[in-house]
Each structure stands twice: as structure tokens, then as C-alpha cells.
Amino acid sequence: MNREIDDLLQRALDSSAKASSLIRKLATSSPHASLEALEKHVAALQAVRNEFAYRTGRSALE
């Protein structure tokens, strides 16, 4: 179970870093960012949050 949690945390960190980078690029009107790409990473973070809540029995909003 710990390995699965570690994998979830790594996925969350990766998606969060990518989303943060895209937000910065969007804020500066960079041609290398799109709302669609940002939405993809936000969806990935939501999926990780929900899976983590399911596996730990904790609310996804905690």
C-alpha cells in the first residue's frame, strides 16, 4: 500500500509542477501553453486526489 501511495504522490507532484508551469506561461501569453493542456493536468490532479481519498478512506477535500 505504501508503494501505491508513493506513486500517487509522485503523480500529483508531476501534474502539479506541469500545471504550475503552464499557468506561468499562460500569464505571460507564451505560445507554448494552452488552456487545454492546463485542463489535462488539472484533471490528472483531480484523479489522483480522488484515488488517494479512496485508498486512504479520507475525504478528497481534507
C-alpha atoms as a PDB file:
ATOM      1  CA  MET A   1       0.000   0.000   0.000  1.00  0.00           C
ATOM      2  CA  ASN A   2       2.839   2.438   0.788  1.00  0.00           C
ATOM      3  CA  ARG A   3       4.281   1.959  -2.702  1.00  0.00           C
ATOM      4  CA  GLU A   4       0.879   2.797  -4.206  1.00  0.00           C
ATOM      5  CA  ILE A   5       0.601   5.924  -2.065  1.00  0.00           C
ATOM      6  CA  ASP A   6       4.133   6.955  -3.049  1.00  0.00           C
ATOM      7  CA  ASP A   7       3.208   6.506  -6.721  1.00  0.00           C
ATOM      8  CA  LEU A   8       0.083   8.642  -6.232  1.00  0.00           C
ATOM      9  CA  LEU A   9       2.104  11.351  -4.537  1.00  0.00           C
ATOM     10  CA  GLN A  10       4.657  11.342  -7.348  1.00  0.00           C
ATOM     11  CA  ARG A  11       1.892  11.611  -9.959  1.00  0.00           C
ATOM     12  CA  ALA A  12       0.415  14.536  -8.030  1.00  0.00           C
ATOM     13  CA  LEU A  13       3.766  16.298  -7.808  1.00  0.00           C
ATOM     14  CA  ASP A  14       4.420  15.814 -11.525  1.00  0.00           C
ATOM     15  CA  SER A  15       0.989  17.079 -12.561  1.00  0.00           C
ATOM     16  CA  SER A  16       1.193  19.976 -10.137  1.00  0.00           C
ATOM     17  CA  ALA A  17       4.576  21.073 -11.470  1.00  0.00           C
ATOM     18  CA  LYS A  18       3.355  20.890 -15.056  1.00  0.00           C
ATOM     19  CA  ALA A  19       0.163  22.784 -14.222  1.00  0.00           C
ATOM     20  CA  SER A  20       2.125  25.489 -12.386  1.00  0.00           C
ATOM     21  CA  SER A  21       4.442  25.885 -15.347  1.00  0.00           C
ATOM     22  CA  LEU A  22       1.502  26.185 -17.730  1.00  0.00           C
ATOM     23  CA  ILE A  23      -0.167  28.800 -15.507  1.00  0.00           C
ATOM     24  CA  ARG A  24       3.012  30.896 -15.575  1.00  0.00           C
ATOM     25  CA  LYS A  25       3.224  30.533 -19.357  1.00  0.00           C
ATOM     26  CA  LEU A  26      -0.434  31.463 -19.799  1.00  0.00           C
ATOM     27  CA  ALA A  27       0.036  34.516 -17.576  1.00  0.00           C
ATOM     28  CA  THR A  28       2.845  35.726 -19.835  1.00  0.00           C
ATOM     29  CA  SER A  29       0.958  34.862 -23.036  1.00  0.00           C
ATOM     30  CA  SER A  30       3.543  32.271 -24.010  1.00  0.00           C
ATOM     31  CA  PRO A  31       2.779  30.452 -27.261  1.00  0.00           C
ATOM     32  CA  HIS A  32       3.869  27.227 -25.544  1.00  0.00           C
ATOM     33  CA  ALA A  33       0.809  26.992 -23.290  1.00  0.00           C
ATOM     34  CA  SER A  34      -2.848  26.279 -23.819  1.00  0.00           C
ATOM     35  CA  LEU A  35      -5.914  26.045 -21.644  1.00  0.00           C
ATOM     36  CA  GLU A  36      -6.494  22.526 -22.966  1.00  0.00           C
ATOM     37  CA  ALA A  37      -3.096  21.399 -21.677  1.00  0.00           C
ATOM     38  CA  LEU A  38      -3.769  23.025 -18.307  1.00  0.00           C
ATOM     39  CA  GLU A  39      -7.178  21.349 -18.082  1.00  0.00           C
ATOM     40  CA  LYS A  40      -5.495  17.991 -18.750  1.00  0.00           C
ATOM     41  CA  HIS A  41      -3.129  18.431 -15.794  1.00  0.00           C
ATOM     42  CA  VAL A  42      -5.902  19.699 -13.519  1.00  0.00           C
ATOM     43  CA  ALA A  43      -7.951  16.606 -14.408  1.00  0.00           C
ATOM     44  CA  ALA A  44      -4.933  14.424 -13.605  1.00  0.00           C
ATOM     45  CA  LEU A  45      -4.615  16.106 -10.204  1.00  0.00           C
ATOM     46  CA  GLN A  46      -8.307  15.562  -9.507  1.00  0.00           C
ATOM     47  CA  ALA A  47      -7.983  11.886 -10.428  1.00  0.00           C
ATOM     48  CA  VAL A  48      -5.022  11.482  -8.075  1.00  0.00           C
ATOM     49  CA  ARG A  49      -6.903  13.296  -5.298  1.00  0.00           C
ATOM     50  CA  ASN A  50      -9.915  11.023  -5.701  1.00  0.00           C
ATOM     51  CA  GLU A  51      -7.819   7.856  -5.854  1.00  0.00           C
ATOM     52  CA  PHE A  52      -5.848   8.923  -2.774  1.00  0.00           C
ATOM     53  CA  ALA A  53      -9.089   9.599  -0.892  1.00  0.00           C
ATOM     54  CA  TYR A  54     -10.449   6.211  -1.925  1.00  0.00           C
ATOM     55  CA  ARG A  55      -7.299   4.324  -0.888  1.00  0.00           C
ATOM     56  CA  THR A  56      -6.892   6.086   2.454  1.00  0.00           C
ATOM     57  CA  GLY A  57     -10.553   6.442   3.391  1.00  0.00           C
ATOM     58  CA  ARG A  58     -10.117  10.202   3.730  1.00  0.00           C
ATOM     59  CA  SER A  59     -12.269  12.864   2.186  1.00  0.00           C
ATOM     60  CA  ALA A  60     -10.927  14.263  -1.078  1.00  0.00           C
ATOM     61  CA  LEU A  61     -11.468  17.727   0.392  1.00  0.00           C
ATOM     62  CA  GLU A  62      -9.331  17.278   3.512  1.00  0.00           C
END
